[in-house]
Protein backbone atom coordinates (compact mmCIF):
# COMPACT_ATOMS: atom_id res chain seq x y z
CA MET A 1 137.74 -15.87 -53.86
CA ASN A 2 140.37 -15.10 -51.21
CA THR A 3 140.03 -16.10 -47.59
CA TYR A 4 141.61 -13.95 -44.89
CA ARG A 5 142.35 -15.18 -41.39
CA VAL A 6 141.69 -13.15 -38.27
CA THR A 7 143.03 -14.37 -34.95
CA ALA A 8 141.24 -12.81 -31.98
CA SER A 9 142.49 -12.58 -28.42
CA ARG A 10 140.76 -10.98 -25.44
CA ASP A 11 142.72 -8.53 -23.30
CA GLU A 12 141.50 -5.97 -20.76
CA GLY A 13 138.03 -5.58 -22.27
CA TRP A 14 139.19 -5.38 -25.89
CA TRP A 15 139.61 -7.91 -28.67
CA GLY A 16 143.03 -7.77 -30.30
CA LEU A 17 142.89 -8.88 -33.94
CA VAL A 18 145.74 -10.16 -36.08
CA VAL A 19 144.73 -10.05 -39.75
CA GLY A 20 146.57 -11.88 -42.52
CA GLY A 21 145.99 -13.45 -45.90
CA PRO A 22 146.58 -13.25 -49.65
CA GLY A 23 147.95 -9.98 -50.95
CA LEU A 24 148.88 -8.62 -47.53
CA LYS A 25 152.62 -8.05 -47.13
CA ARG A 26 152.48 -8.99 -43.44
CA ASP A 27 150.04 -9.57 -40.61
CA TYR A 28 148.30 -6.42 -39.41
CA HIS A 29 147.01 -5.66 -35.93
CA THR A 30 143.84 -3.85 -34.92
CA GLN A 31 141.32 -4.02 -32.11
CA VAL A 32 137.60 -3.90 -31.42
CA LYS A 33 135.57 -3.54 -28.25
CA ARG A 34 133.06 -6.23 -29.25
CA LEU A 35 133.78 -9.40 -31.18
CA ASP A 36 130.74 -8.89 -33.41
CA HIS A 37 132.61 -5.91 -34.92
CA ALA A 38 135.71 -7.96 -35.77
CA GLU A 39 134.72 -8.96 -39.30
CA ALA A 40 133.83 -5.41 -40.34
CA MET A 41 137.05 -4.04 -38.83
CA ALA A 42 139.15 -6.73 -40.54
CA ARG A 43 137.37 -6.13 -43.86
CA ASP A 44 138.04 -2.39 -43.61
CA LEU A 45 141.69 -2.99 -42.76
CA ILE A 46 142.18 -5.42 -45.67
CA ALA A 47 140.40 -3.10 -48.09
CA LEU A 48 142.59 -0.21 -46.98
CA MET A 49 145.83 -2.20 -47.29
CA LEU A 50 144.90 -3.64 -50.71
CA GLU A 51 143.29 -0.40 -51.93
CA ILE A 52 140.01 -2.11 -52.87
CA ASP A 53 136.38 -1.77 -51.81
CA GLY A 54 135.22 -3.68 -48.73
CA PRO A 55 132.83 -6.01 -50.59
CA GLU A 56 135.72 -7.15 -52.84
CA VAL A 57 137.72 -8.46 -49.88
CA GLY A 58 136.46 -12.05 -49.85
CA ASP A 59 135.85 -14.39 -46.95
CA ILE A 60 136.94 -13.70 -43.38
CA GLU A 61 137.66 -16.56 -40.97
CA ILE A 62 137.82 -15.58 -37.31
CA THR A 63 139.50 -17.93 -34.84
CA LEU A 64 140.44 -17.62 -31.20
CA ALA A 65 144.11 -17.22 -30.32
CA ASP A 66 143.54 -19.49 -27.29
CA ALA A 67 144.18 -22.86 -28.99
CA GLU A 68 142.54 -24.90 -26.22
CA LEU A 69 139.31 -22.88 -26.37
CA ALA A 70 139.43 -22.79 -30.17
CA GLU A 71 139.56 -26.60 -30.28
CA GLU A 72 136.75 -26.91 -27.73
CA LEU A 73 134.70 -24.39 -29.72
CA ALA A 74 135.23 -26.36 -32.95
CA VAL A 75 134.11 -29.59 -31.25
CA THR A 76 131.06 -27.81 -29.80
CA GLN A 77 130.11 -26.33 -33.18
CA GLN A 78 130.43 -29.79 -34.78
CA ALA A 79 128.17 -31.26 -32.07
CA ARG A 80 125.60 -28.49 -32.61
CA GLU A 81 125.60 -29.10 -36.39
CA THR A 82 125.15 -32.83 -35.82
CA ALA A 83 122.31 -32.17 -33.37
CA GLU A 84 120.61 -29.85 -35.89
CA ARG A 85 120.78 -32.51 -38.62
CA GLN A 86 119.37 -35.08 -36.19
CA ARG A 87 116.59 -32.67 -35.16
CA GLU A 88 115.65 -32.15 -38.81
CA GLU A 89 115.66 -35.92 -39.42
CA ALA A 90 113.52 -36.50 -36.31
CA GLY A 91 111.06 -33.84 -37.52
CA ARG A 92 110.88 -35.42 -40.97
CA ARG A 93 110.30 -38.88 -39.50
CA THR A 94 107.70 -37.55 -37.05
CA ARG A 95 105.78 -35.87 -39.88
CA GLN A 96 105.91 -39.08 -41.92
CA ILE A 97 104.69 -41.37 -39.16
CA ALA A 98 101.97 -38.92 -38.12
CA GLN A 99 100.69 -38.87 -41.71
CA ARG A 100 100.81 -42.67 -41.94
CA MET A 101 98.89 -43.02 -38.68
CA ARG A 102 96.32 -40.50 -39.90
CA THR A 103 95.76 -42.39 -43.16
CA ARG A 104 95.16 -45.53 -41.08
CA GLY A 105 92.43 -43.79 -39.13
CA TYR A 106 94.19 -42.81 -35.92
CA SER A 107 92.81 -39.68 -34.25
CA GLN A 108 95.02 -36.66 -33.65
CA ARG A 109 94.82 -37.29 -29.90
CA ASP A 110 95.91 -40.94 -30.32
CA ILE A 111 98.79 -39.91 -32.59
CA GLY A 112 99.82 -37.31 -30.02
CA ILE A 113 99.81 -39.85 -27.21
CA LEU A 114 101.86 -42.33 -29.25
CA LEU A 115 104.39 -39.69 -30.33
CA GLY A 116 104.54 -37.97 -26.94
CA ILE A 117 103.38 -34.60 -28.26
CA SER A 118 100.18 -32.58 -27.94
CA HIS A 119 97.25 -33.17 -30.29
CA GLN A 120 97.65 -29.54 -31.40
CA ALA A 121 101.24 -30.29 -32.45
CA VAL A 122 99.95 -33.29 -34.40
CA GLY A 123 97.51 -31.01 -36.22
CA LYS A 124 100.39 -28.72 -37.10
CA LEU A 125 102.50 -31.64 -38.32
CA LEU A 126 99.67 -32.91 -40.50
CA SER A 127 99.09 -29.46 -42.00
CA GLU A 128 102.85 -29.14 -42.67
CA LYS A 129 102.72 -32.40 -44.60
CA ALA A 130 99.98 -30.96 -46.77
CA ASN A 131 101.76 -27.60 -47.08
CA PRO A 132 105.58 -27.91 -47.17
CA LEU A 133 105.91 -24.10 -46.99
CA ALA A 134 104.36 -24.20 -43.52
CA ARG A 135 107.54 -25.86 -42.19
CA GLY A 136 109.36 -22.56 -41.84
CA LYS A 137 110.70 -21.83 -38.38
CA VAL A 138 108.64 -19.44 -36.33
CA PRO A 139 110.83 -17.11 -34.26
CA GLY A 140 110.33 -17.53 -30.53
CA LYS A 141 108.69 -20.95 -30.79
CA LYS A 142 110.60 -23.81 -29.23
CA ALA A 143 110.11 -27.02 -27.33
CA ILE A 144 109.11 -26.55 -23.72
CA PRO A 145 109.03 -29.14 -20.94
CA SER A 146 105.63 -30.54 -20.04
CA ALA A 147 104.45 -31.31 -16.51
CA ASN A 148 105.62 -34.94 -16.76
CA GLY A 149 109.19 -33.95 -17.72
CA LYS A 150 108.97 -34.99 -21.38
CA ARG A 151 109.60 -32.48 -24.15
CA ARG A 152 106.51 -31.05 -25.76
CA ILE A 153 106.35 -29.06 -28.96
CA ASN A 154 104.99 -25.56 -28.40
CA ALA A 155 102.89 -25.29 -31.56
């Protein structure tokens, strides 16, 4: 599948797009008011130039023309991906240790105190261990700070 590159630059309230890639004779220019419209505009432009349907276009990679910001953005995205993997690993380990403590007779309140989370969150963790499908993310639910400054899971 072909990958097309779109370089975006901001100017006077508009995003200027330079679109290039396989099959295009040259780079083409277009613009959008909002960056979230860039992929659709690029896809339409490529489809028009290649005389194909939009879904046949392939992948679109959008990068910033500002090299300094593009590099900083790439580093930030890498850090966010690393943090997400670490969060998932921490969740997995927390579920495992909560289950081990439970099988050794610890109460939900004791497990919560030792893990630094509420006893309700422990109950949720223990039910997730029994039901792996319950681990799906619930929109709008996130960690919130507790009164003592530690992070607490909003179950």
